[in-house]
């Protein structure tokens, strides 16, 4: 990355967007949607369990793994390139899951308010 500033910029953009989407859906959209569905939002893990039961997310456990991964990529300074590469590959693997959850939430909002 030190030798390829374009690659470094792309990696930074991926980490930023992955984290922002995970935060937006998990911390903002899900609690608001649960409220709209007459569910009482609570701690994040409870919200994720409810969202899984409602079919909004595939798995609360997978979501917590995405959260852990997001925290690792965003907050931890990764010195070992292999650890960084593994985190990026794992994050990339979660993109379809994250995007599908966001789409299901948007569809539910549209269903509720149309």
Protein backbone atom coordinates (compact mmCIF):
# COMPACT_ATOMS: atom_id res chain seq x y z
CA UNK A 1 0.00 0.00 0.00
CA UNK A 2 2.90 2.31 0.66
CA UNK A 3 4.00 1.84 -2.93
CA UNK A 4 0.53 2.09 -4.47
CA UNK A 5 -1.44 5.13 -3.30
CA UNK A 6 -4.42 4.20 -5.52
CA UNK A 7 -4.68 0.81 -3.83
CA UNK A 8 -4.38 2.44 -0.42
CA UNK A 9 -7.19 4.84 -1.32
CA UNK A 10 -9.42 1.99 -2.55
CA UNK A 11 -8.81 -0.02 0.62
CA UNK A 12 -9.57 2.99 2.76
CA UNK A 13 -12.78 3.61 0.81
CA UNK A 14 -13.88 -0.01 1.22
CA UNK A 15 -13.24 -0.03 4.96
CA UNK A 16 -15.03 3.30 5.36
CA UNK A 17 -18.08 2.30 3.32
CA UNK A 18 -18.32 -1.15 4.90
CA UNK A 19 -18.22 0.39 8.37
CA UNK A 20 -20.65 3.17 7.54
CA UNK A 21 -23.22 0.80 5.99
CA UNK A 22 -22.91 -1.63 8.89
CA UNK A 23 -23.34 1.24 11.37
CA UNK A 24 -26.25 2.83 9.52
CA UNK A 25 -28.24 -0.37 9.15
CA UNK A 26 -27.43 -1.86 12.55
CA UNK A 27 -27.44 1.21 14.76
CA UNK A 28 -29.97 3.47 13.06
CA UNK A 29 -32.22 1.71 10.56
CA UNK A 30 -32.94 -1.48 12.51
CA UNK A 31 -34.00 0.27 15.75
CA UNK A 32 -36.20 2.72 13.81
CA UNK A 33 -37.73 -0.10 11.79
CA UNK A 34 -38.35 -2.17 14.91
CA UNK A 35 -40.19 0.81 16.43
CA UNK A 36 -42.28 1.14 13.28
CA UNK A 37 -43.14 -2.55 13.61
CA UNK A 38 -44.34 -1.97 17.20
CA UNK A 39 -41.28 -3.71 18.63
CA UNK A 40 -39.41 -2.05 21.49
CA UNK A 41 -35.79 -1.41 20.48
CA UNK A 42 -33.24 -2.34 23.09
CA UNK A 43 -29.57 -3.26 23.25
CA UNK A 44 -27.97 -4.02 19.89
CA UNK A 45 -27.90 -7.80 20.38
CA UNK A 46 -31.62 -7.83 21.27
CA UNK A 47 -32.40 -5.73 18.19
CA UNK A 48 -30.40 -8.13 16.04
CA UNK A 49 -32.22 -11.14 17.49
CA UNK A 50 -35.59 -9.49 16.74
CA UNK A 51 -34.43 -8.51 13.25
CA UNK A 52 -33.37 -12.11 12.57
CA UNK A 53 -36.74 -13.45 13.75
CA UNK A 54 -38.49 -10.93 11.49
CA UNK A 55 -36.32 -11.96 8.53
CA UNK A 56 -34.63 -8.58 8.20
CA UNK A 57 -31.16 -10.02 8.68
CA UNK A 58 -29.88 -13.52 8.00
CA UNK A 59 -28.16 -14.09 11.32
CA UNK A 60 -27.57 -12.09 14.49
CA UNK A 61 -24.33 -14.01 14.99
CA UNK A 62 -23.10 -13.13 11.50
CA UNK A 63 -24.02 -9.49 12.16
CA UNK A 64 -21.98 -9.51 15.37
CA UNK A 65 -19.06 -10.96 13.39
CA UNK A 66 -19.42 -8.14 10.86
CA UNK A 67 -19.40 -5.69 13.76
CA UNK A 68 -16.26 -7.23 15.23
CA UNK A 69 -14.62 -7.15 11.83
CA UNK A 70 -15.69 -3.55 11.25
CA UNK A 71 -14.18 -2.57 14.60
CA UNK A 72 -10.99 -4.40 13.77
CA UNK A 73 -10.61 -2.70 10.40
CA UNK A 74 -11.60 0.77 11.62
CA UNK A 75 -10.16 1.02 15.12
CA UNK A 76 -7.19 -1.29 15.29
CA UNK A 77 -3.88 -0.56 13.72
CA UNK A 78 -3.03 -3.75 11.88
CA UNK A 79 0.73 -4.15 11.54
CA UNK A 80 0.75 -7.62 10.01
CA UNK A 81 -0.19 -7.43 6.30
CA UNK A 82 -1.58 -10.98 6.47
CA UNK A 83 -3.99 -10.01 9.25
CA UNK A 84 -5.10 -6.99 7.25
CA UNK A 85 -5.53 -9.10 4.12
CA UNK A 86 -7.60 -11.64 6.04
CA UNK A 87 -9.81 -8.90 7.51
CA UNK A 88 -10.35 -7.36 4.08
CA UNK A 89 -11.23 -10.73 2.53
CA UNK A 90 -13.68 -11.45 5.37
CA UNK A 91 -15.22 -8.00 4.99
CA UNK A 92 -15.56 -8.47 1.24
CA UNK A 93 -17.26 -11.80 1.87
CA UNK A 94 -19.86 -10.10 4.07
CA UNK A 95 -20.78 -7.45 1.48
CA UNK A 96 -23.65 -9.48 -0.05
CA UNK A 97 -25.06 -10.25 3.41
CA UNK A 98 -24.86 -6.61 4.44
CA UNK A 99 -26.34 -5.32 1.19
CA UNK A 100 -29.18 -7.88 1.33
CA UNK A 101 -30.05 -6.84 4.90
CA UNK A 102 -30.13 -3.19 3.87
CA UNK A 103 -32.38 -4.02 0.92
CA UNK A 104 -34.76 -6.06 3.09
CA UNK A 105 -35.01 -3.20 5.57
CA UNK A 106 -35.71 -0.67 2.83
CA UNK A 107 -38.36 -2.98 1.34
CA UNK A 108 -40.01 -3.30 4.75
CA UNK A 109 -40.01 0.48 5.20
CA UNK A 110 -41.58 0.87 1.77
CA UNK A 111 -44.19 -1.77 2.62
CA UNK A 112 -45.05 -0.05 5.91
CA UNK A 113 -45.29 3.47 4.57
CA UNK A 114 -46.76 3.05 1.09
